[in-house]
Amino acid sequence: MGKLFLEVVTPEKVVVSQEVDMVVAPGSEGEFGVLPGHVLFLSGIIPGEMRYNSGSETISLVVSTGFAEVSDDKVSILVDAAERGTDVDIDRAQQAAERARERMTNGKSAEEIDYKRAEVALKRAIARIKVAEKFH
């Protein structure tokens, strides 16, 4: 079986740029997997766990919102943030989740944009905690 070329890019850096065997990502319409030979595919990315296999190793990343493109055995994941599950600081993620919950419980009477930001922050924090707990 062939290989895929995976790139995971944030505004700050290239997080992953290597050949892999398989990619699984949290798409806006549900989790999706990509193997070599996959058809052209575009998807939104939601906060969650992204995994990829390289040989016998499976690597987990926490990704935030963004987009994925699959074409010609290349998977490009463009997200606001991405980090390896092993690098997540659980205490910091739990504090972020609590701050987001507090902002959300202050009522929707606050500006709608602040509520949406808090909701996105909470989803990202929960994803970080969920993935990090696998490694700690």
C-alpha atoms as a PDB file:
ATOM      1  CA  MET A   1       0.000   0.000   0.000  1.00  0.00           C
ATOM      2  CA  GLY A   2       1.215   3.515  -0.759  1.00  0.00           C
ATOM      3  CA  LYS A   3       1.716   6.451   1.534  1.00  0.00           C
ATOM      4  CA  LEU A   4      -0.018   9.777   2.153  1.00  0.00           C
ATOM      5  CA  PHE A   5       1.773  13.058   2.653  1.00  0.00           C
ATOM      6  CA  LEU A   6       0.318  14.825   5.696  1.00  0.00           C
ATOM      7  CA  GLU A   7       0.694  18.504   6.484  1.00  0.00           C
ATOM      8  CA  VAL A   8      -0.850  20.063   9.593  1.00  0.00           C
ATOM      9  CA  VAL A   9      -0.396  23.824   9.520  1.00  0.00           C
ATOM     10  CA  THR A  10      -1.340  26.579  11.990  1.00  0.00           C
ATOM     11  CA  PRO A  11      -0.817  30.323  11.531  1.00  0.00           C
ATOM     12  CA  GLU A  12       2.344  30.034  13.656  1.00  0.00           C
ATOM     13  CA  LYS A  13       4.033  26.922  12.289  1.00  0.00           C
ATOM     14  CA  VAL A  14       3.988  23.640  10.418  1.00  0.00           C
ATOM     15  CA  VAL A  15       3.128  21.053  13.076  1.00  0.00           C
ATOM     16  CA  VAL A  16       3.429  17.938  10.887  1.00  0.00           C
ATOM     17  CA  SER A  17       4.983  17.470   7.451  1.00  0.00           C
ATOM     18  CA  GLN A  18       5.664  13.809   6.701  1.00  0.00           C
ATOM     19  CA  GLU A  19       4.607  10.638   4.947  1.00  0.00           C
ATOM     20  CA  VAL A  20       2.012   8.607   6.849  1.00  0.00           C
ATOM     21  CA  ASP A  21      -0.101   5.504   6.329  1.00  0.00           C
ATOM     22  CA  MET A  22      -3.487   6.814   7.474  1.00  0.00           C
ATOM     23  CA  VAL A  23      -5.151   9.971   8.850  1.00  0.00           C
ATOM     24  CA  VAL A  24      -8.309  10.262  10.984  1.00  0.00           C
ATOM     25  CA  ALA A  25      -9.694  13.742  11.684  1.00  0.00           C
ATOM     26  CA  PRO A  26     -12.734  15.356  13.346  1.00  0.00           C
ATOM     27  CA  GLY A  27     -14.729  16.726  10.409  1.00  0.00           C
ATOM     28  CA  SER A  28     -17.661  19.093  10.575  1.00  0.00           C
ATOM     29  CA  GLU A  29     -19.919  16.271   9.309  1.00  0.00           C
ATOM     30  CA  GLY A  30     -18.311  13.629  11.542  1.00  0.00           C
ATOM     31  CA  GLU A  31     -14.973  11.915  11.949  1.00  0.00           C
ATOM     32  CA  PHE A  32     -13.371  10.836   8.680  1.00  0.00           C
ATOM     33  CA  GLY A  33     -10.454   8.625   7.707  1.00  0.00           C
ATOM     34  CA  VAL A  34      -8.109   8.873   4.757  1.00  0.00           C
ATOM     35  CA  LEU A  35      -6.015   6.121   3.194  1.00  0.00           C
ATOM     36  CA  PRO A  36      -3.800   6.309   0.085  1.00  0.00           C
ATOM     37  CA  GLY A  37      -5.860   6.573  -3.101  1.00  0.00           C
ATOM     38  CA  HIS A  38      -8.672   8.540  -1.436  1.00  0.00           C
ATOM     39  CA  VAL A  39     -10.830  10.685  -3.723  1.00  0.00           C
ATOM     40  CA  LEU A  40     -10.664  14.486  -3.652  1.00  0.00           C
ATOM     41  CA  PHE A  41     -12.270  15.624  -0.438  1.00  0.00           C
ATOM     42  CA  LEU A  42     -12.852  18.908   1.408  1.00  0.00           C
ATOM     43  CA  SER A  43     -14.137  19.228   4.969  1.00  0.00           C
ATOM     44  CA  GLY A  44     -14.394  21.637   7.833  1.00  0.00           C
ATOM     45  CA  ILE A  45     -12.455  20.626  10.951  1.00  0.00           C
ATOM     46  CA  ILE A  46     -13.940  20.952  14.441  1.00  0.00           C
ATOM     47  CA  PRO A  47     -12.089  20.855  17.780  1.00  0.00           C
ATOM     48  CA  GLY A  48     -11.116  17.308  18.622  1.00  0.00           C
ATOM     49  CA  GLU A  49      -8.568  14.548  18.239  1.00  0.00           C
ATOM     50  CA  MET A  50      -6.747  13.978  14.973  1.00  0.00           C
ATOM     51  CA  ARG A  51      -4.726  10.775  14.624  1.00  0.00           C
ATOM     52  CA  TYR A  52      -2.258   9.523  12.081  1.00  0.00           C
ATOM     53  CA  ASN A  53      -0.358   6.276  11.687  1.00  0.00           C
ATOM     54  CA  SER A  54       3.215   6.017  10.564  1.00  0.00           C
ATOM     55  CA  GLY A  55       4.401   2.433  10.599  1.00  0.00           C
ATOM     56  CA  SER A  56       3.370   0.890  13.913  1.00  0.00           C
ATOM     57  CA  GLU A  57       3.175   4.281  15.668  1.00  0.00           C
ATOM     58  CA  THR A  58      -0.093   6.192  16.162  1.00  0.00           C
ATOM     59  CA  ILE A  59       0.254   9.897  16.954  1.00  0.00           C
ATOM     60  CA  SER A  60      -2.592  11.980  18.390  1.00  0.00           C
ATOM     61  CA  LEU A  61      -2.977  15.725  17.992  1.00  0.00           C
ATOM     62  CA  VAL A  62      -5.553  18.086  19.421  1.00  0.00           C
ATOM     63  CA  VAL A  63      -6.804  20.376  16.654  1.00  0.00           C
ATOM     64  CA  SER A  64      -9.072  23.394  16.720  1.00  0.00           C
ATOM     65  CA  THR A  65     -11.291  24.699  13.932  1.00  0.00           C
ATOM     66  CA  GLY A  66     -10.121  24.816  10.353  1.00  0.00           C
ATOM     67  CA  PHE A  67     -10.256  22.968   7.052  1.00  0.00           C
ATOM     68  CA  ALA A  68      -8.977  19.757   5.478  1.00  0.00           C
ATOM     69  CA  GLU A  69      -8.205  19.043   1.852  1.00  0.00           C
ATOM     70  CA  VAL A  70      -7.400  15.623   0.417  1.00  0.00           C
ATOM     71  CA  SER A  71      -6.049  15.325  -3.115  1.00  0.00           C
ATOM     72  CA  ASP A  72      -3.458  13.214  -4.905  1.00  0.00           C
ATOM     73  CA  ASP A  73      -2.442  11.301  -1.747  1.00  0.00           C
ATOM     74  CA  LYS A  74      -1.840  14.541   0.138  1.00  0.00           C
ATOM     75  CA  VAL A  75      -3.785  15.575   3.252  1.00  0.00           C
ATOM     76  CA  SER A  76      -3.585  19.256   4.187  1.00  0.00           C
ATOM     77  CA  ILE A  77      -5.050  20.237   7.548  1.00  0.00           C
ATOM     78  CA  LEU A  78      -5.180  23.999   8.131  1.00  0.00           C
ATOM     79  CA  VAL A  79      -6.281  24.842  11.690  1.00  0.00           C
ATOM     80  CA  ASP A  80      -6.112  27.698  14.168  1.00  0.00           C
ATOM     81  CA  ALA A  81      -4.164  25.552  16.659  1.00  0.00           C
ATOM     82  CA  ALA A  82      -2.723  22.045  16.922  1.00  0.00           C
ATOM     83  CA  GLU A  83      -0.611  20.289  19.524  1.00  0.00           C
ATOM     84  CA  ARG A  84       0.479  16.763  20.291  1.00  0.00           C
ATOM     85  CA  GLY A  85      -1.643  15.052  22.901  1.00  0.00           C
ATOM     86  CA  THR A  86       1.485  14.382  24.950  1.00  0.00           C
ATOM     87  CA  ASP A  87       2.219  18.140  25.116  1.00  0.00           C
ATOM     88  CA  VAL A  88      -1.151  19.234  26.522  1.00  0.00           C
ATOM     89  CA  ASP A  89      -1.050  20.780  30.004  1.00  0.00           C
ATOM     90  CA  ILE A  90      -4.210  19.301  31.561  1.00  0.00           C
ATOM     91  CA  ASP A  91      -4.364  21.823  34.425  1.00  0.00           C
ATOM     92  CA  ARG A  92      -4.177  24.739  31.992  1.00  0.00           C
ATOM     93  CA  ALA A  93      -6.849  23.151  29.783  1.00  0.00           C
ATOM     94  CA  GLN A  94      -9.147  22.634  32.788  1.00  0.00           C
ATOM     95  CA  GLN A  95      -8.688  26.277  33.820  1.00  0.00           C
ATOM     96  CA  ALA A  96      -9.535  27.392  30.275  1.00  0.00           C
ATOM     97  CA  ALA A  97     -12.681  25.233  30.335  1.00  0.00           C
ATOM     98  CA  GLU A  98     -13.781  26.783  33.640  1.00  0.00           C
ATOM     99  CA  ARG A  99     -13.208  30.333  32.344  1.00  0.00           C
ATOM    100  CA  ALA A 100     -15.237  29.538  29.222  1.00  0.00           C
ATOM    101  CA  ARG A 101     -18.070  28.032  31.283  1.00  0.00           C
ATOM    102  CA  GLU A 102     -18.153  31.139  33.492  1.00  0.00           C
ATOM    103  CA  ARG A 103     -18.363  33.432  30.458  1.00  0.00           C
ATOM    104  CA  MET A 104     -21.177  31.326  29.026  1.00  0.00           C
ATOM    105  CA  THR A 105     -23.188  31.261  32.261  1.00  0.00           C
ATOM    106  CA  ASN A 106     -23.078  35.046  32.516  1.00  0.00           C
ATOM    107  CA  GLY A 107     -26.120  34.827  30.259  1.00  0.00           C
ATOM    108  CA  LYS A 108     -26.757  35.267  26.591  1.00  0.00           C
ATOM    109  CA  SER A 109     -27.687  38.873  27.300  1.00  0.00           C
ATOM    110  CA  ALA A 110     -23.982  39.606  26.910  1.00  0.00           C
ATOM    111  CA  GLU A 111     -22.832  40.193  23.388  1.00  0.00           C
ATOM    112  CA  GLU A 112     -23.571  37.185  21.162  1.00  0.00           C
ATOM    113  CA  ILE A 113     -19.996  37.233  19.851  1.00  0.00           C
ATOM    114  CA  ASP A 114     -18.591  36.803  23.379  1.00  0.00           C
ATOM    115  CA  TYR A 115     -20.907  33.829  23.948  1.00  0.00           C
ATOM    116  CA  LYS A 116     -19.802  32.201  20.677  1.00  0.00           C
ATOM    117  CA  ARG A 117     -16.126  32.782  21.519  1.00  0.00           C
ATOM    118  CA  ALA A 118     -16.638  31.221  24.932  1.00  0.00           C
ATOM    119  CA  GLU A 119     -18.415  28.253  23.343  1.00  0.00           C
ATOM    120  CA  VAL A 120     -15.516  27.651  20.910  1.00  0.00           C
ATOM    121  CA  ALA A 121     -12.991  28.030  23.763  1.00  0.00           C
ATOM    122  CA  LEU A 122     -14.910  25.479  25.835  1.00  0.00           C
ATOM    123  CA  LYS A 123     -15.029  22.944  22.980  1.00  0.00           C
ATOM    124  CA  ARG A 124     -11.288  23.332  22.405  1.00  0.00           C
ATOM    125  CA  ALA A 125     -10.505  22.961  26.126  1.00  0.00           C
ATOM    126  CA  ILE A 126     -12.659  19.831  26.383  1.00  0.00           C
ATOM    127  CA  ALA A 127     -10.919  18.331  23.331  1.00  0.00           C
ATOM    128  CA  ARG A 128      -7.499  19.101  24.864  1.00  0.00           C
ATOM    129  CA  ILE A 129      -8.456  17.462  28.166  1.00  0.00           C
ATOM    130  CA  LYS A 130      -9.946  14.389  26.480  1.00  0.00           C
ATOM    131  CA  VAL A 131      -6.859  13.753  24.344  1.00  0.00           C
ATOM    132  CA  ALA A 132      -4.353  14.587  27.104  1.00  0.00           C
ATOM    133  CA  GLU A 133      -5.975  12.143  29.524  1.00  0.00           C
ATOM    134  CA  LYS A 134      -4.961   9.312  27.190  1.00  0.00           C
ATOM    135  CA  PHE A 135      -1.293  10.132  27.844  1.00  0.00           C
ATOM    136  CA  HIS A 136      -1.228  11.119  31.520  1.00  0.00           C
END
